[in-house]
C-alpha atoms as a PDB file:
ATOM      1  CA  MET A   1      -1.882   1.660 -13.638  1.00  0.00           C
ATOM      2  CA  ALA A   2       0.984  -0.028 -11.836  1.00  0.00           C
ATOM      3  CA  ASP A   3       1.023  -3.799 -11.556  1.00  0.00           C
ATOM      4  CA  LEU A   4      -0.607  -5.137  -8.365  1.00  0.00           C
ATOM      5  CA  LYS A   5       2.482  -7.120  -7.359  1.00  0.00           C
ATOM      6  CA  GLU A   6       4.684  -4.036  -7.805  1.00  0.00           C
ATOM      7  CA  ALA A   7       2.292  -1.935  -5.718  1.00  0.00           C
ATOM      8  CA  ALA A   8       2.200  -4.603  -2.989  1.00  0.00           C
ATOM      9  CA  GLU A   9       6.003  -4.911  -2.973  1.00  0.00           C
ATOM     10  CA  GLN A  10       6.348  -1.132  -2.584  1.00  0.00           C
ATOM     11  CA  PHE A  11       3.770  -1.231   0.226  1.00  0.00           C
ATOM     12  CA  ALA A  12       5.772  -3.977   1.974  1.00  0.00           C
ATOM     13  CA  LYS A  13       8.986  -1.927   1.650  1.00  0.00           C
ATOM     14  CA  ASP A  14       7.194   1.089   3.109  1.00  0.00           C
ATOM     15  CA  LEU A  15       5.989  -1.064   6.031  1.00  0.00           C
ATOM     16  CA  VAL A  16       9.490  -2.338   6.772  1.00  0.00           C
ATOM     17  CA  ASN A  17      11.038   1.133   6.444  1.00  0.00           C
ATOM     18  CA  GLN A  18       8.181   2.781   8.366  1.00  0.00           C
ATOM     19  CA  ASN A  19       7.669   5.191   5.466  1.00  0.00           C
ATOM     20  CA  ILE A  20       4.498   6.804   6.775  1.00  0.00           C
ATOM     21  CA  ALA A  21       4.076   9.105   3.760  1.00  0.00           C
ATOM     22  CA  GLY A  22       4.223   6.150   1.369  1.00  0.00           C
ATOM     23  CA  LEU A  23       1.823   4.120   3.498  1.00  0.00           C
ATOM     24  CA  MET A  24      -0.693   6.966   3.731  1.00  0.00           C
ATOM     25  CA  MET A  25      -0.870   7.112  -0.059  1.00  0.00           C
ATOM     26  CA  ALA A  26      -1.521   3.363  -0.312  1.00  0.00           C
ATOM     27  CA  PHE A  27      -4.657   3.191   1.863  1.00  0.00           C
ATOM     28  CA  THR A  28      -8.308   3.893   1.208  1.00  0.00           C
ATOM     29  CA  PRO A  29     -10.066   5.514   4.205  1.00  0.00           C
ATOM     30  CA  ASN A  30     -11.436   2.072   5.157  1.00  0.00           C
ATOM     31  CA  GLY A  31      -7.988   0.508   4.917  1.00  0.00           C
ATOM     32  CA  MET A  32      -6.447   3.301   7.007  1.00  0.00           C
ATOM     33  CA  GLY A  33      -8.941   2.673   9.817  1.00  0.00           C
ATOM     34  CA  GLN A  34      -8.150  -1.032   9.791  1.00  0.00           C
ATOM     35  CA  ALA A  35      -4.398  -0.329   9.765  1.00  0.00           C
ATOM     36  CA  MET A  36      -4.695   1.881  12.826  1.00  0.00           C
ATOM     37  CA  ALA A  37      -6.683  -0.816  14.647  1.00  0.00           C
ATOM     38  CA  LEU A  38      -4.117  -3.450  13.615  1.00  0.00           C
ATOM     39  CA  GLN A  39      -1.240  -1.335  14.918  1.00  0.00           C
ATOM     40  CA  ALA A  40      -2.963  -0.975  18.293  1.00  0.00           C
ATOM     41  CA  GLN A  41      -3.669  -4.733  18.362  1.00  0.00           C
ATOM     42  CA  MET A  42      -0.034  -5.591  17.639  1.00  0.00           C
ATOM     43  CA  GLN A  43       1.241  -3.176  20.296  1.00  0.00           C
ATOM     44  CA  ALA A  44      -1.151  -4.597  22.884  1.00  0.00           C
ATOM     45  CA  ALA A  45      -0.103  -8.167  22.046  1.00  0.00           C
ATOM     46  CA  GLY A  46       3.498  -7.373  22.887  1.00  0.00           C
ATOM     47  CA  GLY A  47       5.851 -10.264  22.339  1.00  0.00           C
ATOM     48  CA  PRO A  48       9.428 -10.185  21.145  1.00  0.00           C
ATOM     49  CA  GLN A  49      10.375  -7.293  18.924  1.00  0.00           C
ATOM     50  CA  PRO A  50      12.329  -8.227  15.805  1.00  0.00           C
ATOM     51  CA  THR A  51      15.846  -6.962  15.355  1.00  0.00           C
ATOM     52  CA  GLY A  52      17.376  -6.256  11.983  1.00  0.00           C
ATOM     53  CA  THR A  53      15.536  -6.112   8.689  1.00  0.00           C
ATOM     54  CA  PRO A  54      12.919  -8.800   8.130  1.00  0.00           C
ATOM     55  CA  THR A  55      12.724 -10.933   5.016  1.00  0.00           C
ATOM     56  CA  VAL A  56       9.571  -9.991   3.126  1.00  0.00           C
ATOM     57  CA  THR A  57       7.630 -12.060   0.602  1.00  0.00           C
ATOM     58  CA  VAL A  58       4.589 -10.837  -1.320  1.00  0.00           C
ATOM     59  CA  GLU A  59       2.119 -13.576  -2.274  1.00  0.00           C
ATOM     60  CA  LEU A  60      -0.819 -12.884  -4.599  1.00  0.00           C
ATOM     61  CA  GLN A  61      -3.762 -14.951  -3.301  1.00  0.00           C
ATOM     62  CA  GLY A  62      -6.319 -14.330  -6.040  1.00  0.00           C
ATOM     63  CA  GLN A  63      -9.502 -12.352  -6.254  1.00  0.00           C
ATOM     64  CA  GLU A  64     -12.692 -12.198  -4.181  1.00  0.00           C
ATOM     65  CA  GLY A  65     -15.318 -10.074  -5.920  1.00  0.00           C
ATOM     66  CA  ASP A  66     -13.668  -6.738  -6.745  1.00  0.00           C
ATOM     67  CA  ASP A  67     -10.999  -7.283  -4.075  1.00  0.00           C
ATOM     68  CA  HIS A  68      -7.557  -8.630  -4.904  1.00  0.00           C
ATOM     69  CA  LEU A  69      -6.045 -10.564  -1.991  1.00  0.00           C
ATOM     70  CA  VAL A  70      -2.346 -10.250  -1.203  1.00  0.00           C
ATOM     71  CA  ASP A  71      -0.437 -11.750   1.726  1.00  0.00           C
ATOM     72  CA  ILE A  72       2.696 -10.012   2.965  1.00  0.00           C
ATOM     73  CA  VAL A  73       4.850 -12.505   4.857  1.00  0.00           C
ATOM     74  CA  MET A  74       7.518 -11.009   7.148  1.00  0.00           C
ATOM     75  CA  SER A  75      10.123 -13.280   8.721  1.00  0.00           C
ATOM     76  CA  SER A  76      12.673 -12.235  11.328  1.00  0.00           C
ATOM     77  CA  ASP A  77      14.466 -13.584  14.370  1.00  0.00           C
ATOM     78  CA  ALA A  78      11.224 -12.990  16.321  1.00  0.00           C
ATOM     79  CA  GLY A  79       9.240 -15.311  14.031  1.00  0.00           C
ATOM     80  CA  THR A  80       7.005 -15.028  10.987  1.00  0.00           C
ATOM     81  CA  ARG A  81       3.917 -12.868  10.615  1.00  0.00           C
ATOM     82  CA  THR A  82       1.535 -12.801   7.696  1.00  0.00           C
ATOM     83  CA  ILE A  83      -0.401  -9.647   6.941  1.00  0.00           C
ATOM     84  CA  ALA A  84      -3.463 -10.203   4.765  1.00  0.00           C
ATOM     85  CA  THR A  85      -4.357  -7.256   2.547  1.00  0.00           C
ATOM     86  CA  ARG A  86      -7.298  -6.502   0.246  1.00  0.00           C
ATOM     87  CA  TRP A  87      -6.541  -4.261  -2.716  1.00  0.00           C
ATOM     88  CA  LYS A  88      -8.888  -2.272  -4.924  1.00  0.00           C
ATOM     89  CA  ASP A  89      -8.344  -0.383  -8.145  1.00  0.00           C
ATOM     90  CA  VAL A  90      -9.256   3.198  -7.246  1.00  0.00           C
ATOM     91  CA  ALA A  91      -9.154   5.568 -10.232  1.00  0.00           C
ATOM     92  CA  GLY A  92      -6.331   3.587 -11.838  1.00  0.00           C
ATOM     93  CA  ALA A  93      -4.215   3.138  -8.693  1.00  0.00           C
ATOM     94  CA  TRP A  94      -3.991   0.093  -6.413  1.00  0.00           C
ATOM     95  CA  LYS A  95      -5.078   0.902  -2.854  1.00  0.00           C
ATOM     96  CA  VAL A  96      -5.217  -1.197   0.313  1.00  0.00           C
ATOM     97  CA  ASP A  97      -8.864  -1.356   1.393  1.00  0.00           C
ATOM     98  CA  GLY A  98      -8.433  -3.995   4.082  1.00  0.00           C
ATOM     99  CA  ILE A  99      -5.590  -5.209   6.280  1.00  0.00           C
ATOM    100  CA  ALA A 100      -5.411  -7.803   9.054  1.00  0.00           C
ATOM    101  CA  LEU A 101      -2.918 -10.039  10.785  1.00  0.00           C
ATOM    102  CA  LYS A 102      -3.413 -13.693   9.861  1.00  0.00           C
ATOM    103  CA  ALA A 103      -3.512 -16.140  12.743  1.00  0.00           C
END
């Protein structure tokens, strides 16, 4: 099984590069539903759109039950956003089972 931090860093790269195929592989069905809701929420919120490539930091936040919590912090000229993710070990692979934008 890949290291959680490595999996989260690859997930963050796929987010930045809009690699849909890579992102699809990273989600559980529950996580995919939350990601779709989050995308709609972010589009509805509007606000300035970042230009250029954001700076991305992956921060392991610990464990809550079987879930491993990871924050993905993206900084750009439009500001900083933190995406909170919940990861699960599914058959030896790390999968995102929950995703939300932190306030």
